[in-house]
C-alpha atoms as a PDB file:
ATOM      1  CA  UNK A   1       0.312   0.018   0.063  1.00  0.00           C
ATOM      2  CA  UNK A   2       0.895   3.679  -0.758  1.00  0.00           C
ATOM      3  CA  UNK A   3      -0.875   6.512   0.697  1.00  0.00           C
ATOM      4  CA  UNK A   4      -0.553   9.548  -0.928  1.00  0.00           C
ATOM      5  CA  UNK A   5      -1.486  13.466   0.324  1.00  0.00           C
ATOM      6  CA  UNK A   6      -1.499  16.222  -2.058  1.00  0.00           C
ATOM      7  CA  UNK A   7      -1.287  19.939  -0.535  1.00  0.00           C
ATOM      8  CA  UNK A   8      -1.056  23.081  -1.852  1.00  0.00           C
ATOM      9  CA  UNK A   9      -3.729  24.026  -3.970  1.00  0.00           C
ATOM     10  CA  UNK A  10      -5.393  27.590  -4.094  1.00  0.00           C
ATOM     11  CA  UNK A  11      -6.733  30.110  -6.222  1.00  0.00           C
ATOM     12  CA  UNK A  12      -4.242  32.504  -8.131  1.00  0.00           C
ATOM     13  CA  UNK A  13      -4.172  35.012 -10.880  1.00  0.00           C
ATOM     14  CA  UNK A  14      -3.434  34.297 -14.429  1.00  0.00           C
ATOM     15  CA  UNK A  15       0.638  33.941 -14.763  1.00  0.00           C
ATOM     16  CA  UNK A  16       0.980  33.077 -11.359  1.00  0.00           C
ATOM     17  CA  UNK A  17       3.249  30.349  -9.919  1.00  0.00           C
ATOM     18  CA  UNK A  18       2.186  27.260  -7.210  1.00  0.00           C
ATOM     19  CA  UNK A  19       4.004  24.586  -5.884  1.00  0.00           C
ATOM     20  CA  UNK A  20       1.792  21.551  -5.287  1.00  0.00           C
ATOM     21  CA  UNK A  21       3.297  18.838  -3.255  1.00  0.00           C
ATOM     22  CA  UNK A  22       2.706  15.207  -2.927  1.00  0.00           C
ATOM     23  CA  UNK A  23       3.469  13.291   0.342  1.00  0.00           C
ATOM     24  CA  UNK A  24       3.854   9.389   0.209  1.00  0.00           C
ATOM     25  CA  UNK A  25       4.040   6.942   2.918  1.00  0.00           C
ATOM     26  CA  UNK A  26       3.527   3.510   2.518  1.00  0.00           C
ATOM     27  CA  UNK A  27       5.749   0.611   0.706  1.00  0.00           C
ATOM     28  CA  UNK A  28       8.862   1.298  -1.491  1.00  0.00           C
ATOM     29  CA  UNK A  29       8.557   4.630  -2.953  1.00  0.00           C
ATOM     30  CA  UNK A  30      11.575   4.995  -4.624  1.00  0.00           C
ATOM     31  CA  UNK A  31      10.423   2.372  -7.254  1.00  0.00           C
ATOM     32  CA  UNK A  32       7.173   3.853  -8.109  1.00  0.00           C
ATOM     33  CA  UNK A  33       6.438   5.947 -11.442  1.00  0.00           C
ATOM     34  CA  UNK A  34       4.906   9.731  -9.839  1.00  0.00           C
ATOM     35  CA  UNK A  35       2.672  11.752 -11.793  1.00  0.00           C
ATOM     36  CA  UNK A  36       0.261  14.531 -11.549  1.00  0.00           C
ATOM     37  CA  UNK A  37      -2.789  14.067 -13.337  1.00  0.00           C
ATOM     38  CA  UNK A  38      -5.818  16.746 -13.575  1.00  0.00           C
ATOM     39  CA  UNK A  39      -9.741  17.105 -14.228  1.00  0.00           C
ATOM     40  CA  UNK A  40     -12.066  18.948 -15.098  1.00  0.00           C
ATOM     41  CA  UNK A  41     -15.555  18.326 -14.208  1.00  0.00           C
ATOM     42  CA  UNK A  42     -17.204  15.783 -16.543  1.00  0.00           C
ATOM     43  CA  UNK A  43     -13.739  14.911 -18.306  1.00  0.00           C
ATOM     44  CA  UNK A  44     -11.291  12.454 -17.987  1.00  0.00           C
ATOM     45  CA  UNK A  45      -8.243  12.457 -15.712  1.00  0.00           C
ATOM     46  CA  UNK A  46      -5.340  13.771 -18.041  1.00  0.00           C
ATOM     47  CA  UNK A  47      -1.734  13.385 -17.340  1.00  0.00           C
ATOM     48  CA  UNK A  48       0.112  16.556 -16.016  1.00  0.00           C
ATOM     49  CA  UNK A  49       3.738  15.702 -15.612  1.00  0.00           C
ATOM     50  CA  UNK A  50       5.592  12.708 -13.983  1.00  0.00           C
ATOM     51  CA  UNK A  51       8.860  10.906 -13.167  1.00  0.00           C
ATOM     52  CA  UNK A  52       9.947   7.108 -13.913  1.00  0.00           C
ATOM     53  CA  UNK A  53      12.808   5.182 -12.134  1.00  0.00           C
ATOM     54  CA  UNK A  54      15.083   3.636 -14.869  1.00  0.00           C
ATOM     55  CA  UNK A  55      17.585   2.549 -12.461  1.00  0.00           C
ATOM     56  CA  UNK A  56      19.957   2.908  -9.860  1.00  0.00           C
ATOM     57  CA  UNK A  57      19.836   6.536  -9.090  1.00  0.00           C
ATOM     58  CA  UNK A  58      18.352   7.607 -12.432  1.00  0.00           C
ATOM     59  CA  UNK A  59      14.707   9.231 -13.226  1.00  0.00           C
ATOM     60  CA  UNK A  60      13.251  10.231 -15.933  1.00  0.00           C
ATOM     61  CA  UNK A  61      10.473  13.174 -16.151  1.00  0.00           C
ATOM     62  CA  UNK A  62       8.378  13.746 -19.051  1.00  0.00           C
ATOM     63  CA  UNK A  63       5.056  16.209 -19.763  1.00  0.00           C
ATOM     64  CA  UNK A  64       2.205  16.816 -21.251  1.00  0.00           C
ATOM     65  CA  UNK A  65       2.515  19.478 -24.225  1.00  0.00           C
ATOM     66  CA  UNK A  66       0.035  21.935 -22.882  1.00  0.00           C
ATOM     67  CA  UNK A  67       2.642  22.269 -19.495  1.00  0.00           C
ATOM     68  CA  UNK A  68       5.682  21.876 -21.386  1.00  0.00           C
ATOM     69  CA  UNK A  69       7.870  24.876 -20.166  1.00  0.00           C
ATOM     70  CA  UNK A  70       5.713  25.727 -17.679  1.00  0.00           C
ATOM     71  CA  UNK A  71       5.622  23.111 -15.165  1.00  0.00           C
ATOM     72  CA  UNK A  72       8.582  20.925 -13.277  1.00  0.00           C
ATOM     73  CA  UNK A  73       8.063  18.032 -11.559  1.00  0.00           C
ATOM     74  CA  UNK A  74      10.689  17.320  -8.657  1.00  0.00           C
ATOM     75  CA  UNK A  75      10.897  13.889  -6.445  1.00  0.00           C
ATOM     76  CA  UNK A  76      13.115  13.561  -3.739  1.00  0.00           C
ATOM     77  CA  UNK A  77      13.108   9.942  -2.428  1.00  0.00           C
ATOM     78  CA  UNK A  78      14.928  11.136   0.774  1.00  0.00           C
ATOM     79  CA  UNK A  79      11.350  12.713   1.988  1.00  0.00           C
ATOM     80  CA  UNK A  80       9.238  10.389   0.478  1.00  0.00           C
ATOM     81  CA  UNK A  81       8.149  13.918  -1.801  1.00  0.00           C
ATOM     82  CA  UNK A  82       7.025  14.812  -5.292  1.00  0.00           C
ATOM     83  CA  UNK A  83       6.307  18.257  -6.214  1.00  0.00           C
ATOM     84  CA  UNK A  84       4.471  19.503  -8.773  1.00  0.00           C
ATOM     85  CA  UNK A  85       5.910  23.351  -9.560  1.00  0.00           C
ATOM     86  CA  UNK A  86       4.004  25.294 -11.935  1.00  0.00           C
ATOM     87  CA  UNK A  87       4.208  28.801 -13.274  1.00  0.00           C
ATOM     88  CA  UNK A  88       3.038  30.755 -15.766  1.00  0.00           C
ATOM     89  CA  UNK A  89      -0.355  29.962 -14.957  1.00  0.00           C
ATOM     90  CA  UNK A  90      -3.279  30.147 -17.233  1.00  0.00           C
ATOM     91  CA  UNK A  91      -7.248  29.761 -16.772  1.00  0.00           C
ATOM     92  CA  UNK A  92      -7.263  26.559 -18.701  1.00  0.00           C
ATOM     93  CA  UNK A  93      -5.044  25.351 -15.529  1.00  0.00           C
ATOM     94  CA  UNK A  94      -7.760  24.896 -13.568  1.00  0.00           C
ATOM     95  CA  UNK A  95      -8.846  22.263 -12.201  1.00  0.00           C
ATOM     96  CA  UNK A  96      -8.360  19.132  -9.532  1.00  0.00           C
ATOM     97  CA  UNK A  97      -4.709  18.088  -9.299  1.00  0.00           C
ATOM     98  CA  UNK A  98      -3.857  14.113  -8.404  1.00  0.00           C
ATOM     99  CA  UNK A  99      -1.017  12.946  -7.388  1.00  0.00           C
ATOM    100  CA  UNK A 100      -0.623   9.127  -8.227  1.00  0.00           C
ATOM    101  CA  UNK A 101       1.423   6.178  -8.080  1.00  0.00           C
ATOM    102  CA  UNK A 102       2.201   3.403 -10.753  1.00  0.00           C
ATOM    103  CA  UNK A 103       3.869   0.161 -10.640  1.00  0.00           C
ATOM    104  CA  UNK A 104       3.633  -0.390 -14.366  1.00  0.00           C
ATOM    105  CA  UNK A 105       2.823   3.199 -16.695  1.00  0.00           C
ATOM    106  CA  UNK A 106       2.992   6.733 -16.548  1.00  0.00           C
ATOM    107  CA  UNK A 107       0.119   8.366 -19.390  1.00  0.00           C
ATOM    108  CA  UNK A 108      -3.236   6.520 -19.098  1.00  0.00           C
ATOM    109  CA  UNK A 109      -5.186   7.048 -15.545  1.00  0.00           C
ATOM    110  CA  UNK A 110      -5.631   3.574 -15.659  1.00  0.00           C
ATOM    111  CA  UNK A 111      -2.331   2.273 -14.965  1.00  0.00           C
ATOM    112  CA  UNK A 112      -2.088   4.222 -11.811  1.00  0.00           C
ATOM    113  CA  UNK A 113      -2.395   1.968  -8.593  1.00  0.00           C
ATOM    114  CA  UNK A 114      -2.790   4.799  -5.789  1.00  0.00           C
ATOM    115  CA  UNK A 115      -3.842   8.231  -5.399  1.00  0.00           C
ATOM    116  CA  UNK A 116      -4.468  10.946  -3.160  1.00  0.00           C
ATOM    117  CA  UNK A 117      -7.527  12.573  -2.480  1.00  0.00           C
ATOM    118  CA  UNK A 118      -7.024  15.580  -5.438  1.00  0.00           C
ATOM    119  CA  UNK A 119      -5.927  19.752  -4.510  1.00  0.00           C
ATOM    120  CA  UNK A 120      -7.974  22.185  -6.046  1.00  0.00           C
ATOM    121  CA  UNK A 121      -5.975  25.088  -8.648  1.00  0.00           C
ATOM    122  CA  UNK A 122      -8.014  27.919  -9.383  1.00  0.00           C
ATOM    123  CA  UNK A 123      -6.320  30.186 -11.918  1.00  0.00           C
ATOM    124  CA  UNK A 124      -8.282  33.370 -12.637  1.00  0.00           C
ATOM    125  CA  UNK A 125      -7.845  35.598 -15.989  1.00  0.00           C
END
């Protein structure tokens, strides 16, 4: 079992920055792929950013096209934590953001095994 708790959501203005944090506990954190996904009402949960373990101390990161250059995922295995650092926020970034852990896969919500409760991000224009 992996327990995930997100924090850091809120209301910001367009162009602002915001960092979401995810604290993990439970089983071996370092080998899981960790992702941030978001969901708007009535829509599918979509991949935003993720980091996968490549062996040893090597991790790879990937991002949705819509957030590349604006969002950065940062993983700290010593703290069992993964942050999503968001900058140049746009109104279309408004969503509920979820932290999730996957034993196999990164891009599809169905590939994730554990989920946090979600945190709301609202970007006003």
